[in-house]
Amino acid sequence: MNRDASSIAILEPRNNVGYRREDVPRARDGQIRDLVLELADNASFEQVSGLVPRDADRVLTAFAERAASIAVRGKDERELRAGLLAAAVALSLSDDERYVLPAVALLYRPATIDRPRPGTGVRRRERPHRWSGPRLVGFTRRTSEDQAIEAMGFHEGADKNGFRFVCTW
């Protein structure tokens, strides 16, 4: 793995003040996506959980929410994968999974939208990544009402750049 401590510092909450509410996309989205995907390809889940800053769950959750919107806009499976991996790490770090589950709902939503997905669209039967833990997989066993983005405080909307999941709280 080619990452050093300074590259992991992009997950520090103090380096991401206001990130969750910023316009989508931002350069930080790509930086976090690339970091998460590289870590997923080159490190074990335990190594990653030990590498990231203590409060990185907040940044990873914000990224996962944003990645869901970016994925829907671009019909980009890679963004969904990065968001799900970030959510898996955030779930492992968080003391309260209720903070992370709304992001999981947003990432799950594109797989349930009845819109055509040309090219590299979301595949419902894709094999789980080795990082998929019981909390993430458990979400898929919830009732459809408990998976709904509205139940998690979001709705589908738009910003000046296009589609975006909008937080209602």
C-alpha atoms as a PDB file:
ATOM      1  CA  MET A   1       0.000   0.000   0.000  1.00  0.00           C
ATOM      2  CA  ASN A   2       1.448   3.356  -1.046  1.00  0.00           C
ATOM      3  CA  ARG A   3      -0.466   5.584   1.353  1.00  0.00           C
ATOM      4  CA  ASP A   4       1.213   7.354   4.242  1.00  0.00           C
ATOM      5  CA  ALA A   5      -0.224   9.030   7.324  1.00  0.00           C
ATOM      6  CA  SER A   6      -0.583  12.385   5.568  1.00  0.00           C
ATOM      7  CA  SER A   7      -2.806  10.913   2.863  1.00  0.00           C
ATOM      8  CA  ILE A   8      -5.023   9.313   5.522  1.00  0.00           C
ATOM      9  CA  ALA A   9      -5.315  12.762   7.155  1.00  0.00           C
ATOM     10  CA  ILE A  10      -7.923  13.722   4.551  1.00  0.00           C
ATOM     11  CA  LEU A  11     -10.297  11.685   6.731  1.00  0.00           C
ATOM     12  CA  GLU A  12      -9.723  13.905   9.789  1.00  0.00           C
ATOM     13  CA  PRO A  13     -12.945  15.752  10.700  1.00  0.00           C
ATOM     14  CA  ARG A  14     -11.038  19.011  11.249  1.00  0.00           C
ATOM     15  CA  ASN A  15      -9.943  18.849   7.580  1.00  0.00           C
ATOM     16  CA  ASN A  16     -13.545  18.467   6.404  1.00  0.00           C
ATOM     17  CA  VAL A  17     -15.554  21.130   8.211  1.00  0.00           C
ATOM     18  CA  GLY A  18     -18.745  21.730   6.199  1.00  0.00           C
ATOM     19  CA  TYR A  19     -17.934  18.950   3.725  1.00  0.00           C
ATOM     20  CA  ARG A  20     -21.284  17.154   4.040  1.00  0.00           C
ATOM     21  CA  ARG A  21     -23.277  20.201   2.869  1.00  0.00           C
ATOM     22  CA  GLU A  22     -20.913  21.403   0.111  1.00  0.00           C
ATOM     23  CA  ASP A  23     -21.941  21.245  -3.530  1.00  0.00           C
ATOM     24  CA  VAL A  24     -21.562  17.845  -5.166  1.00  0.00           C
ATOM     25  CA  PRO A  25     -19.088  16.999  -6.602  1.00  0.00           C
ATOM     26  CA  ARG A  26     -15.978  18.470  -5.026  1.00  0.00           C
ATOM     27  CA  ALA A  27     -12.330  17.532  -5.406  1.00  0.00           C
ATOM     28  CA  ARG A  28     -12.459  16.059  -1.885  1.00  0.00           C
ATOM     29  CA  ASP A  29     -15.028  13.491  -3.093  1.00  0.00           C
ATOM     30  CA  GLY A  30     -12.539  12.129  -5.618  1.00  0.00           C
ATOM     31  CA  GLN A  31      -9.711  12.140  -3.082  1.00  0.00           C
ATOM     32  CA  ILE A  32     -11.702  10.147  -0.549  1.00  0.00           C
ATOM     33  CA  ARG A  33     -13.083   7.808  -3.228  1.00  0.00           C
ATOM     34  CA  ASP A  34      -9.589   7.047  -4.521  1.00  0.00           C
ATOM     35  CA  LEU A  35      -8.260   6.506  -0.989  1.00  0.00           C
ATOM     36  CA  VAL A  36     -11.106   4.156  -0.026  1.00  0.00           C
ATOM     37  CA  LEU A  37     -10.818   2.124  -3.225  1.00  0.00           C
ATOM     38  CA  GLU A  38      -7.042   1.846  -2.886  1.00  0.00           C
ATOM     39  CA  LEU A  39      -7.325   0.748   0.726  1.00  0.00           C
ATOM     40  CA  ALA A  40     -10.020  -1.792  -0.169  1.00  0.00           C
ATOM     41  CA  ASP A  41      -7.792  -3.300  -2.833  1.00  0.00           C
ATOM     42  CA  ASN A  42      -4.611  -3.378  -0.760  1.00  0.00           C
ATOM     43  CA  ALA A  43      -5.423  -3.721   2.924  1.00  0.00           C
ATOM     44  CA  SER A  44      -7.490  -5.853   5.208  1.00  0.00           C
ATOM     45  CA  PHE A  45     -10.524  -4.380   6.914  1.00  0.00           C
ATOM     46  CA  GLU A  46      -8.727  -4.589  10.255  1.00  0.00           C
ATOM     47  CA  GLN A  47      -5.694  -2.729   8.882  1.00  0.00           C
ATOM     48  CA  VAL A  48      -7.893   0.054   7.523  1.00  0.00           C
ATOM     49  CA  SER A  49      -9.878   0.355  10.735  1.00  0.00           C
ATOM     50  CA  GLY A  50      -6.561   0.782  12.552  1.00  0.00           C
ATOM     51  CA  LEU A  51      -5.149   3.298  10.048  1.00  0.00           C
ATOM     52  CA  VAL A  52      -7.957   5.815   9.838  1.00  0.00           C
ATOM     53  CA  PRO A  53      -8.359   8.598  12.406  1.00  0.00           C
ATOM     54  CA  ARG A  54     -10.572   7.882  15.392  1.00  0.00           C
ATOM     55  CA  ASP A  55     -13.458  10.133  14.300  1.00  0.00           C
ATOM     56  CA  ALA A  56     -13.168   9.314  10.591  1.00  0.00           C
ATOM     57  CA  ASP A  57     -16.604   7.687  10.723  1.00  0.00           C
ATOM     58  CA  ARG A  58     -18.179  11.155  10.376  1.00  0.00           C
ATOM     59  CA  VAL A  59     -16.185  12.004   7.259  1.00  0.00           C
ATOM     60  CA  LEU A  60     -16.675   8.547   5.755  1.00  0.00           C
ATOM     61  CA  THR A  61     -20.423   8.790   6.379  1.00  0.00           C
ATOM     62  CA  ALA A  62     -20.588  12.223   4.739  1.00  0.00           C
ATOM     63  CA  PHE A  63     -18.617  10.856   1.793  1.00  0.00           C
ATOM     64  CA  ALA A  64     -20.958   7.847   1.510  1.00  0.00           C
ATOM     65  CA  GLU A  65     -23.982  10.175   1.367  1.00  0.00           C
ATOM     66  CA  ARG A  66     -22.334  12.295  -1.308  1.00  0.00           C
ATOM     67  CA  ALA A  67     -21.119   9.250  -3.261  1.00  0.00           C
ATOM     68  CA  ALA A  68     -24.718   8.036  -3.514  1.00  0.00           C
ATOM     69  CA  SER A  69     -25.777  11.263  -5.229  1.00  0.00           C
ATOM     70  CA  ILE A  70     -22.746  11.222  -7.523  1.00  0.00           C
ATOM     71  CA  ALA A  71     -23.431   7.583  -8.423  1.00  0.00           C
ATOM     72  CA  VAL A  72     -27.028   8.311  -9.408  1.00  0.00           C
ATOM     73  CA  ARG A  73     -26.008  11.356 -11.464  1.00  0.00           C
ATOM     74  CA  GLY A  74     -23.383   9.486 -13.417  1.00  0.00           C
ATOM     75  CA  LYS A  75     -24.870   5.988 -13.204  1.00  0.00           C
ATOM     76  CA  ASP A  76     -21.463   5.110 -11.795  1.00  0.00           C
ATOM     77  CA  GLU A  77     -21.046   1.789 -10.014  1.00  0.00           C
ATOM     78  CA  ARG A  78     -17.545   2.736  -8.861  1.00  0.00           C
ATOM     79  CA  GLU A  79     -18.967   5.586  -6.763  1.00  0.00           C
ATOM     80  CA  LEU A  80     -21.472   3.205  -5.181  1.00  0.00           C
ATOM     81  CA  ARG A  81     -18.710   0.725  -4.396  1.00  0.00           C
ATOM     82  CA  ALA A  82     -16.573   3.412  -2.764  1.00  0.00           C
ATOM     83  CA  GLY A  83     -19.560   4.693  -0.796  1.00  0.00           C
ATOM     84  CA  LEU A  84     -20.442   1.226   0.461  1.00  0.00           C
ATOM     85  CA  LEU A  85     -16.851   0.529   1.463  1.00  0.00           C
ATOM     86  CA  ALA A  86     -16.689   3.874   3.288  1.00  0.00           C
ATOM     87  CA  ALA A  87     -19.970   3.065   5.050  1.00  0.00           C
ATOM     88  CA  ALA A  88     -18.640  -0.345   6.105  1.00  0.00           C
ATOM     89  CA  VAL A  89     -15.598   1.280   7.722  1.00  0.00           C
ATOM     90  CA  ALA A  90     -17.752   4.010   9.284  1.00  0.00           C
ATOM     91  CA  LEU A  91     -20.048   1.361  10.783  1.00  0.00           C
ATOM     92  CA  SER A  92     -17.053  -0.392  12.325  1.00  0.00           C
ATOM     93  CA  LEU A  93     -15.769   2.854  13.856  1.00  0.00           C
ATOM     94  CA  SER A  94     -19.052   4.378  14.987  1.00  0.00           C
ATOM     95  CA  ASP A  95     -20.420   3.998  18.480  1.00  0.00           C
ATOM     96  CA  ASP A  96     -23.923   4.480  17.078  1.00  0.00           C
ATOM     97  CA  GLU A  97     -24.820   2.850  13.765  1.00  0.00           C
ATOM     98  CA  ARG A  98     -27.939   5.035  13.504  1.00  0.00           C
ATOM     99  CA  TYR A  99     -25.645   7.852  12.383  1.00  0.00           C
ATOM    100  CA  VAL A 100     -24.321   5.785   9.455  1.00  0.00           C
ATOM    101  CA  LEU A 101     -27.455   3.892   8.369  1.00  0.00           C
ATOM    102  CA  PRO A 102     -28.987   6.843   6.468  1.00  0.00           C
ATOM    103  CA  ALA A 103     -25.936   6.799   4.167  1.00  0.00           C
ATOM    104  CA  VAL A 104     -26.409   3.061   3.675  1.00  0.00           C
ATOM    105  CA  ALA A 105     -30.039   3.700   2.681  1.00  0.00           C
ATOM    106  CA  LEU A 106     -28.906   6.271   0.115  1.00  0.00           C
ATOM    107  CA  LEU A 107     -26.392   3.829  -1.341  1.00  0.00           C
ATOM    108  CA  TYR A 108     -28.989   1.064  -1.422  1.00  0.00           C
ATOM    109  CA  ARG A 109     -31.572   3.268  -3.151  1.00  0.00           C
ATOM    110  CA  PRO A 110     -29.957   3.273  -6.636  1.00  0.00           C
ATOM    111  CA  ALA A 111     -30.278  -0.514  -6.720  1.00  0.00           C
ATOM    112  CA  THR A 112     -34.024  -0.197  -6.196  1.00  0.00           C
ATOM    113  CA  ILE A 113     -34.804   2.699  -8.541  1.00  0.00           C
ATOM    114  CA  ASP A 114     -36.738   1.432 -11.525  1.00  0.00           C
ATOM    115  CA  ARG A 115     -34.776   3.451 -14.071  1.00  0.00           C
ATOM    116  CA  PRO A 116     -32.716   1.974 -16.876  1.00  0.00           C
ATOM    117  CA  ARG A 117     -28.966   1.941 -16.244  1.00  0.00           C
ATOM    118  CA  PRO A 118     -26.930   1.904 -19.434  1.00  0.00           C
ATOM    119  CA  GLY A 119     -23.420   0.546 -19.400  1.00  0.00           C
ATOM    120  CA  THR A 120     -22.054   0.038 -15.923  1.00  0.00           C
ATOM    121  CA  GLY A 121     -25.296   0.284 -13.942  1.00  0.00           C
ATOM    122  CA  VAL A 122     -25.879  -1.156 -10.528  1.00  0.00           C
ATOM    123  CA  ARG A 123     -26.029  -4.928 -10.377  1.00  0.00           C
ATOM    124  CA  ARG A 124     -28.226  -6.258  -7.593  1.00  0.00           C
ATOM    125  CA  ARG A 125     -26.590  -9.679  -7.414  1.00  0.00           C
ATOM    126  CA  GLU A 126     -22.993  -8.559  -7.252  1.00  0.00           C
ATOM    127  CA  ARG A 127     -20.888 -10.595  -4.832  1.00  0.00           C
ATOM    128  CA  PRO A 128     -20.273  -8.764  -1.540  1.00  0.00           C
ATOM    129  CA  HIS A 129     -16.838  -7.249  -0.970  1.00  0.00           C
ATOM    130  CA  ARG A 130     -14.676  -8.910   1.671  1.00  0.00           C
ATOM    131  CA  TRP A 131     -15.241  -5.809   3.820  1.00  0.00           C
ATOM    132  CA  SER A 132     -19.016  -6.328   3.981  1.00  0.00           C
ATOM    133  CA  GLY A 133     -19.790  -6.835   7.622  1.00  0.00           C
ATOM    134  CA  PRO A 134     -22.947  -8.048   9.309  1.00  0.00           C
ATOM    135  CA  ARG A 135     -24.194  -4.505   9.940  1.00  0.00           C
ATOM    136  CA  LEU A 136     -23.992  -3.605   6.248  1.00  0.00           C
ATOM    137  CA  VAL A 137     -25.432  -6.891   5.031  1.00  0.00           C
ATOM    138  CA  GLY A 138     -28.094  -6.713   7.732  1.00  0.00           C
ATOM    139  CA  PHE A 139     -29.482  -3.557   6.152  1.00  0.00           C
ATOM    140  CA  THR A 140     -30.641  -5.578   3.136  1.00  0.00           C
ATOM    141  CA  ARG A 141     -32.792  -7.712   5.440  1.00  0.00           C
ATOM    142  CA  ARG A 142     -34.799  -4.757   6.725  1.00  0.00           C
ATOM    143  CA  THR A 143     -38.345  -4.154   5.564  1.00  0.00           C
ATOM    144  CA  SER A 144     -38.698  -1.822   2.590  1.00  0.00           C
ATOM    145  CA  GLU A 145     -40.193   0.792   4.944  1.00  0.00           C
ATOM    146  CA  ASP A 146     -37.102   0.610   7.160  1.00  0.00           C
ATOM    147  CA  GLN A 147     -34.820   0.898   4.112  1.00  0.00           C
ATOM    148  CA  ALA A 148     -36.628   3.932   2.693  1.00  0.00           C
ATOM    149  CA  ILE A 149     -34.581   7.083   2.410  1.00  0.00           C
ATOM    150  CA  GLU A 150     -37.554   9.044   3.755  1.00  0.00           C
ATOM    151  CA  ALA A 151     -37.405   6.990   6.962  1.00  0.00           C
ATOM    152  CA  MET A 152     -33.777   8.040   7.230  1.00  0.00           C
ATOM    153  CA  GLY A 153     -34.495  11.764   6.819  1.00  0.00           C
ATOM    154  CA  PHE A 154     -33.760  12.193   3.095  1.00  0.00           C
ATOM    155  CA  HIS A 155     -35.622  12.674  -0.159  1.00  0.00           C
ATOM    156  CA  GLU A 156     -34.665  12.789  -3.822  1.00  0.00           C
ATOM    157  CA  GLY A 157     -34.044  16.292  -5.044  1.00  0.00           C
ATOM    158  CA  ALA A 158     -31.562  18.387  -6.962  1.00  0.00           C
ATOM    159  CA  ASP A 159     -29.012  21.105  -6.559  1.00  0.00           C
ATOM    160  CA  LYS A 160     -27.531  23.412  -9.206  1.00  0.00           C
ATOM    161  CA  ASN A 161     -25.428  20.514 -10.558  1.00  0.00           C
ATOM    162  CA  GLY A 162     -28.211  17.936 -10.846  1.00  0.00           C
ATOM    163  CA  PHE A 163     -29.642  15.063  -8.837  1.00  0.00           C
ATOM    164  CA  ARG A 164     -28.923  14.972  -5.127  1.00  0.00           C
ATOM    165  CA  PHE A 165     -30.237  13.176  -2.096  1.00  0.00           C
ATOM    166  CA  VAL A 166     -31.404  15.993   0.192  1.00  0.00           C
ATOM    167  CA  CYS A 167     -31.302  15.796   3.972  1.00  0.00           C
ATOM    168  CA  THR A 168     -34.549  16.892   5.650  1.00  0.00           C
ATOM    169  CA  TRP A 169     -33.100  17.432   9.114  1.00  0.00           C
END
